[in-house]
Amino acid sequence: MKSFFGILLIAVGVLLNNTVYLQDLILGQGYISLDGWRAFVGLGVSLLMILVGCLILLSGRSYR
């Protein structure tokens, strides 16, 4: 169950990261600008989600 939550967190983080980067292209701007503080907060949150997901996956591993 722990590994599922970690993988889910990584997947949602990657989707959020792609959404932040590609929102300008989706809205028809033609280039990626990352204007504004909300873009940087979104990138920070997505990277934090990916990091926490990786830590959850690593904590579930057993080392012998």
PDB file of N, CA and C in Angstrom:
ATOM      1  N   MET A   1       0.831  -1.202   0.000  1.00  0.00           N
ATOM      2  CA  MET A   1       0.000   0.000   0.000  1.00  0.00           C
ATOM      3  C   MET A   1       0.868   1.255   0.000  1.00  0.00           C
ATOM      4  N   LYS A   2       1.980   1.177   0.736  1.00  0.00           N
ATOM      5  CA  LYS A   2       2.882   2.317   0.819  1.00  0.00           C
ATOM      6  C   LYS A   2       3.498   2.630  -0.546  1.00  0.00           C
ATOM      7  N   SER A   3       3.877   1.587  -1.275  1.00  0.00           N
ATOM      8  CA  SER A   3       4.496   1.806  -2.583  1.00  0.00           C
ATOM      9  C   SER A   3       3.469   2.358  -3.581  1.00  0.00           C
ATOM     10  N   PHE A   4       2.223   1.938  -3.466  1.00  0.00           N
ATOM     11  CA  PHE A   4       1.182   2.468  -4.343  1.00  0.00           C
ATOM     12  C   PHE A   4       1.015   3.971  -4.134  1.00  0.00           C
ATOM     13  N   PHE A   5       1.003   4.393  -2.878  1.00  0.00           N
ATOM     14  CA  PHE A   5       0.860   5.812  -2.578  1.00  0.00           C
ATOM     15  C   PHE A   5       2.061   6.602  -3.093  1.00  0.00           C
ATOM     16  N   GLY A   6       3.249   6.043  -2.979  1.00  0.00           N
ATOM     17  CA  GLY A   6       4.444   6.704  -3.492  1.00  0.00           C
ATOM     18  C   GLY A   6       4.407   6.864  -4.996  1.00  0.00           C
ATOM     19  N   ILE A   7       4.012   5.803  -5.693  1.00  0.00           N
ATOM     20  CA  ILE A   7       3.918   5.865  -7.156  1.00  0.00           C
ATOM     21  C   ILE A   7       2.826   6.838  -7.586  1.00  0.00           C
ATOM     22  N   LEU A   8       1.712   6.832  -6.879  1.00  0.00           N
ATOM     23  CA  LEU A   8       0.623   7.759  -7.185  1.00  0.00           C
ATOM     24  C   LEU A   8       1.073   9.212  -6.993  1.00  0.00           C
ATOM     25  N   LEU A   9       1.807   9.471  -5.929  1.00  0.00           N
ATOM     26  CA  LEU A   9       2.305  10.817  -5.671  1.00  0.00           C
ATOM     27  C   LEU A   9       3.271  11.271  -6.761  1.00  0.00           C
ATOM     28  N   ILE A  10       4.138  10.378  -7.210  1.00  0.00           N
ATOM     29  CA  ILE A  10       5.075  10.707  -8.288  1.00  0.00           C
ATOM     30  C   ILE A  10       4.314  10.992  -9.580  1.00  0.00           C
ATOM     31  N   ALA A  11       3.329  10.164  -9.907  1.00  0.00           N
ATOM     32  CA  ALA A  11       2.567  10.341 -11.145  1.00  0.00           C
ATOM     33  C   ALA A  11       1.803  11.659 -11.143  1.00  0.00           C
ATOM     34  N   VAL A  12       1.161  11.993 -10.032  1.00  0.00           N
ATOM     35  CA  VAL A  12       0.415  13.254  -9.951  1.00  0.00           C
ATOM     36  C   VAL A  12       1.378  14.440 -10.000  1.00  0.00           C
ATOM     37  N   GLY A  13       2.541  14.304  -9.374  1.00  0.00           N
ATOM     38  CA  GLY A  13       3.536  15.368  -9.429  1.00  0.00           C
ATOM     39  C   GLY A  13       4.044  15.619 -10.837  1.00  0.00           C
ATOM     40  N   VAL A  14       4.276  14.557 -11.582  1.00  0.00           N
ATOM     41  CA  VAL A  14       4.733  14.692 -12.970  1.00  0.00           C
ATOM     42  C   VAL A  14       3.640  15.330 -13.830  1.00  0.00           C
ATOM     43  N   LEU A  15       2.392  14.914 -13.633  1.00  0.00           N
ATOM     44  CA  LEU A  15       1.290  15.524 -14.387  1.00  0.00           C
ATOM     45  C   LEU A  15       1.144  17.016 -14.072  1.00  0.00           C
ATOM     46  N   LEU A  16       1.279  17.366 -12.798  1.00  0.00           N
ATOM     47  CA  LEU A  16       1.196  18.773 -12.413  1.00  0.00           C
ATOM     48  C   LEU A  16       2.352  19.573 -13.007  1.00  0.00           C
ATOM     49  N   ASN A  17       3.545  18.989 -12.991  1.00  0.00           N
ATOM     50  CA  ASN A  17       4.713  19.656 -13.564  1.00  0.00           C
ATOM     51  C   ASN A  17       4.511  19.902 -15.060  1.00  0.00           C
ATOM     52  N   ASN A  18       4.017  18.902 -15.775  1.00  0.00           N
ATOM     53  CA  ASN A  18       3.779  19.065 -17.207  1.00  0.00           C
ATOM     54  C   ASN A  18       2.686  20.098 -17.467  1.00  0.00           C
ATOM     55  N   THR A  19       1.679  20.134 -16.636  1.00  0.00           N
ATOM     56  CA  THR A  19       0.610  21.112 -16.799  1.00  0.00           C
ATOM     57  C   THR A  19       1.138  22.528 -16.624  1.00  0.00           C
ATOM     58  N   VAL A  20       1.991  22.727 -15.629  1.00  0.00           N
ATOM     59  CA  VAL A  20       2.548  24.065 -15.400  1.00  0.00           C
ATOM     60  C   VAL A  20       3.395  24.499 -16.590  1.00  0.00           C
ATOM     61  N   TYR A  21       4.242  23.590 -17.088  1.00  0.00           N
ATOM     62  CA  TYR A  21       5.103  23.947 -18.207  1.00  0.00           C
ATOM     63  C   TYR A  21       4.326  24.155 -19.511  1.00  0.00           C
ATOM     64  N   LEU A  22       3.312  23.350 -19.733  1.00  0.00           N
ATOM     65  CA  LEU A  22       2.634  23.371 -21.028  1.00  0.00           C
ATOM     66  C   LEU A  22       1.379  24.230 -21.070  1.00  0.00           C
ATOM     67  N   GLN A  23       1.013  24.869 -19.956  1.00  0.00           N
ATOM     68  CA  GLN A  23      -0.226  25.644 -19.953  1.00  0.00           C
ATOM     69  C   GLN A  23      -0.176  26.807 -20.931  1.00  0.00           C
ATOM     70  N   ASP A  24       0.993  27.403 -21.121  1.00  0.00           N
ATOM     71  CA  ASP A  24       1.090  28.494 -22.087  1.00  0.00           C
ATOM     72  C   ASP A  24       0.845  27.994 -23.506  1.00  0.00           C
ATOM     73  N   LEU A  25       1.368  26.835 -23.823  1.00  0.00           N
ATOM     74  CA  LEU A  25       1.161  26.277 -25.155  1.00  0.00           C
ATOM     75  C   LEU A  25      -0.293  25.855 -25.352  1.00  0.00           C
ATOM     76  N   ILE A  26      -0.894  25.313 -24.305  1.00  0.00           N
ATOM     77  CA  ILE A  26      -2.295  24.885 -24.387  1.00  0.00           C
ATOM     78  C   ILE A  26      -3.203  26.092 -24.602  1.00  0.00           C
ATOM     79  N   LEU A  27      -2.865  27.216 -23.959  1.00  0.00           N
ATOM     80  CA  LEU A  27      -3.680  28.421 -24.087  1.00  0.00           C
ATOM     81  C   LEU A  27      -3.375  29.204 -25.351  1.00  0.00           C
ATOM     82  N   GLY A  28      -2.455  28.703 -26.176  1.00  0.00           N
ATOM     83  CA  GLY A  28      -2.209  29.301 -27.472  1.00  0.00           C
ATOM     84  C   GLY A  28      -1.161  30.395 -27.511  1.00  0.00           C
ATOM     85  N   GLN A  29      -0.279  30.454 -26.506  1.00  0.00           N
ATOM     86  CA  GLN A  29       0.718  31.517 -26.481  1.00  0.00           C
ATOM     87  C   GLN A  29       1.843  31.273 -27.484  1.00  0.00           C
ATOM     88  N   GLY A  30       2.224  30.044 -27.721  1.00  0.00           N
ATOM     89  CA  GLY A  30       3.257  29.757 -28.704  1.00  0.00           C
ATOM     90  C   GLY A  30       4.627  29.490 -28.103  1.00  0.00           C
ATOM     91  N   TYR A  31       4.827  29.854 -26.854  1.00  0.00           N
ATOM     92  CA  TYR A  31       6.098  29.583 -26.176  1.00  0.00           C
ATOM     93  C   TYR A  31       5.832  29.436 -24.678  1.00  0.00           C
ATOM     94  N   ILE A  32       6.789  28.839 -23.972  1.00  0.00           N
ATOM     95  CA  ILE A  32       6.652  28.626 -22.534  1.00  0.00           C
ATOM     96  C   ILE A  32       7.310  29.802 -21.825  1.00  0.00           C
ATOM     97  N   SER A  33       6.548  30.532 -21.029  1.00  0.00           N
ATOM     98  CA  SER A  33       7.090  31.737 -20.408  1.00  0.00           C
ATOM     99  C   SER A  33       7.273  31.632 -18.899  1.00  0.00           C
ATOM    100  N   LEU A  34       6.476  30.833 -18.217  1.00  0.00           N
ATOM    101  CA  LEU A  34       6.497  30.720 -16.752  1.00  0.00           C
ATOM    102  C   LEU A  34       6.414  32.087 -16.080  1.00  0.00           C
ATOM    103  N   ASP A  35       5.458  32.881 -16.518  1.00  0.00           N
ATOM    104  CA  ASP A  35       5.257  34.207 -15.940  1.00  0.00           C
ATOM    105  C   ASP A  35       4.469  34.098 -14.649  1.00  0.00           C
ATOM    106  N   GLY A  36       4.888  34.807 -13.663  1.00  0.00           N
ATOM    107  CA  GLY A  36       4.125  34.919 -12.429  1.00  0.00           C
ATOM    108  C   GLY A  36       4.570  33.971 -11.341  1.00  0.00           C
ATOM    109  N   TRP A  37       4.169  34.310 -10.146  1.00  0.00           N
ATOM    110  CA  TRP A  37       4.561  33.536  -8.979  1.00  0.00           C
ATOM    111  C   TRP A  37       3.814  32.207  -8.913  1.00  0.00           C
ATOM    112  N   ARG A  38       2.619  32.145  -9.500  1.00  0.00           N
ATOM    113  CA  ARG A  38       1.852  30.899  -9.446  1.00  0.00           C
ATOM    114  C   ARG A  38       2.530  29.778 -10.216  1.00  0.00           C
ATOM    115  N   ALA A  39       3.211  30.120 -11.304  1.00  0.00           N
ATOM    116  CA  ALA A  39       3.931  29.104 -12.072  1.00  0.00           C
ATOM    117  C   ALA A  39       5.067  28.517 -11.240  1.00  0.00           C
ATOM    118  N   PHE A  40       5.784  29.366 -10.530  1.00  0.00           N
ATOM    119  CA  PHE A  40       6.900  28.879  -9.729  1.00  0.00           C
ATOM    120  C   PHE A  40       6.426  28.119  -8.500  1.00  0.00           C
ATOM    121  N   VAL A  41       5.308  28.523  -7.924  1.00  0.00           N
ATOM    122  CA  VAL A  41       4.732  27.767  -6.807  1.00  0.00           C
ATOM    123  C   VAL A  41       4.270  26.398  -7.298  1.00  0.00           C
ATOM    124  N   GLY A  42       3.651  26.353  -8.467  1.00  0.00           N
ATOM    125  CA  GLY A  42       3.218  25.076  -9.041  1.00  0.00           C
ATOM    126  C   GLY A  42       4.389  24.150  -9.315  1.00  0.00           C
ATOM    127  N   LEU A  43       5.487  24.697  -9.828  1.00  0.00           N
ATOM    128  CA  LEU A  43       6.676  23.881 -10.055  1.00  0.00           C
ATOM    129  C   LEU A  43       7.255  23.378  -8.740  1.00  0.00           C
ATOM    130  N   GLY A  44       7.290  24.242  -7.742  1.00  0.00           N
ATOM    131  CA  GLY A  44       7.810  23.826  -6.435  1.00  0.00           C
ATOM    132  C   GLY A  44       6.968  22.730  -5.807  1.00  0.00           C
ATOM    133  N   VAL A  45       5.657  22.883  -5.879  1.00  0.00           N
ATOM    134  CA  VAL A  45       4.757  21.873  -5.311  1.00  0.00           C
ATOM    135  C   VAL A  45       4.894  20.552  -6.063  1.00  0.00           C
ATOM    136  N   SER A  46       4.978  20.607  -7.375  1.00  0.00           N
ATOM    137  CA  SER A  46       5.092  19.362  -8.149  1.00  0.00           C
ATOM    138  C   SER A  46       6.418  18.663  -7.866  1.00  0.00           C
ATOM    139  N   LEU A  47       7.505  19.423  -7.766  1.00  0.00           N
ATOM    140  CA  LEU A  47       8.792  18.810  -7.465  1.00  0.00           C
ATOM    141  C   LEU A  47       8.825  18.247  -6.045  1.00  0.00           C
ATOM    142  N   LEU A  48       8.167  18.923  -5.114  1.00  0.00           N
ATOM    143  CA  LEU A  48       8.072  18.416  -3.746  1.00  0.00           C
ATOM    144  C   LEU A  48       7.265  17.117  -3.704  1.00  0.00           C
ATOM    145  N   MET A  49       6.187  17.046  -4.477  1.00  0.00           N
ATOM    146  CA  MET A  49       5.392  15.815  -4.534  1.00  0.00           C
ATOM    147  C   MET A  49       6.217  14.655  -5.081  1.00  0.00           C
ATOM    148  N   ILE A  50       7.005  14.919  -6.112  1.00  0.00           N
ATOM    149  CA  ILE A  50       7.846  13.878  -6.691  1.00  0.00           C
ATOM    150  C   ILE A  50       8.898  13.426  -5.678  1.00  0.00           C
ATOM    151  N   LEU A  51       9.508  14.361  -4.972  1.00  0.00           N
ATOM    152  CA  LEU A  51      10.519  14.032  -3.975  1.00  0.00           C
ATOM    153  C   LEU A  51       9.933  13.202  -2.838  1.00  0.00           C
ATOM    154  N   VAL A  52       8.778  13.601  -2.329  1.00  0.00           N
ATOM    155  CA  VAL A  52       8.129  12.851  -1.243  1.00  0.00           C
ATOM    156  C   VAL A  52       7.741  11.457  -1.722  1.00  0.00           C
ATOM    157  N   GLY A  53       7.254  11.344  -2.951  1.00  0.00           N
ATOM    158  CA  GLY A  53       6.926  10.023  -3.496  1.00  0.00           C
ATOM    159  C   GLY A  53       8.147   9.126  -3.586  1.00  0.00           C
ATOM    160  N   CYS A  54       9.267   9.689  -4.011  1.00  0.00           N
ATOM    161  CA  CYS A  54      10.509   8.905  -4.071  1.00  0.00           C
ATOM    162  C   CYS A  54      10.963   8.483  -2.676  1.00  0.00           C
ATOM    163  N   LEU A  55      10.847   9.383  -1.701  1.00  0.00           N
ATOM    164  CA  LEU A  55      11.228   9.043  -0.336  1.00  0.00           C
ATOM    165  C   LEU A  55      10.336   7.946   0.242  1.00  0.00           C
ATOM    166  N   ILE A  56       9.046   8.001  -0.079  1.00  0.00           N
ATOM    167  CA  ILE A  56       8.132   6.944   0.373  1.00  0.00           C
ATOM    168  C   ILE A  56       8.524   5.605  -0.229  1.00  0.00           C
ATOM    169  N   LEU A  57       8.865   5.600  -1.509  1.00  0.00           N
ATOM    170  CA  LEU A  57       9.271   4.353  -2.153  1.00  0.00           C
ATOM    171  C   LEU A  57      10.575   3.829  -1.553  1.00  0.00           C
ATOM    172  N   LEU A  58      11.512   4.716  -1.293  1.00  0.00           N
ATOM    173  CA  LEU A  58      12.791   4.283  -0.724  1.00  0.00           C
ATOM    174  C   LEU A  58      12.645   3.809   0.716  1.00  0.00           C
ATOM    175  N   SER A  59      11.741   4.391   1.477  1.00  0.00           N
ATOM    176  CA  SER A  59      11.567   3.977   2.879  1.00  0.00           C
ATOM    177  C   SER A  59      10.906   2.598   2.981  1.00  0.00           C
ATOM    178  N   GLY A  60      10.209   2.197   1.938  1.00  0.00           N
ATOM    179  CA  GLY A  60       9.557   0.894   1.958  1.00  0.00           C
ATOM    180  C   GLY A  60      10.467  -0.260   1.584  1.00  0.00           C
ATOM    181  N   ARG A  61      11.661   0.056   1.103  1.00  0.00           N
ATOM    182  CA  ARG A  61      12.598  -1.000   0.701  1.00  0.00           C
ATOM    183  C   ARG A  61      13.305  -1.557   1.924  1.00  0.00           C
ATOM    184  N   SER A  62      13.591  -2.833   1.901  1.00  0.00           N
ATOM    185  CA  SER A  62      14.328  -3.449   2.996  1.00  0.00           C
ATOM    186  C   SER A  62      15.765  -3.695   2.551  1.00  0.00           C
ATOM    187  N   TYR A  63      16.687  -3.305   3.388  1.00  0.00           N
ATOM    188  CA  TYR A  63      18.108  -3.488   3.091  1.00  0.00           C
ATOM    189  C   TYR A  63      18.654  -4.563   4.007  1.00  0.00           C
ATOM    190  N   ARG A  64      19.372  -5.523   3.430  1.00  0.00           N
ATOM    191  CA  ARG A  64      19.959  -6.600   4.247  1.00  0.00           C
ATOM    192  C   ARG A  64      21.440  -6.632   4.080  1.00  0.00           C
TER     193      ARG A  64
END
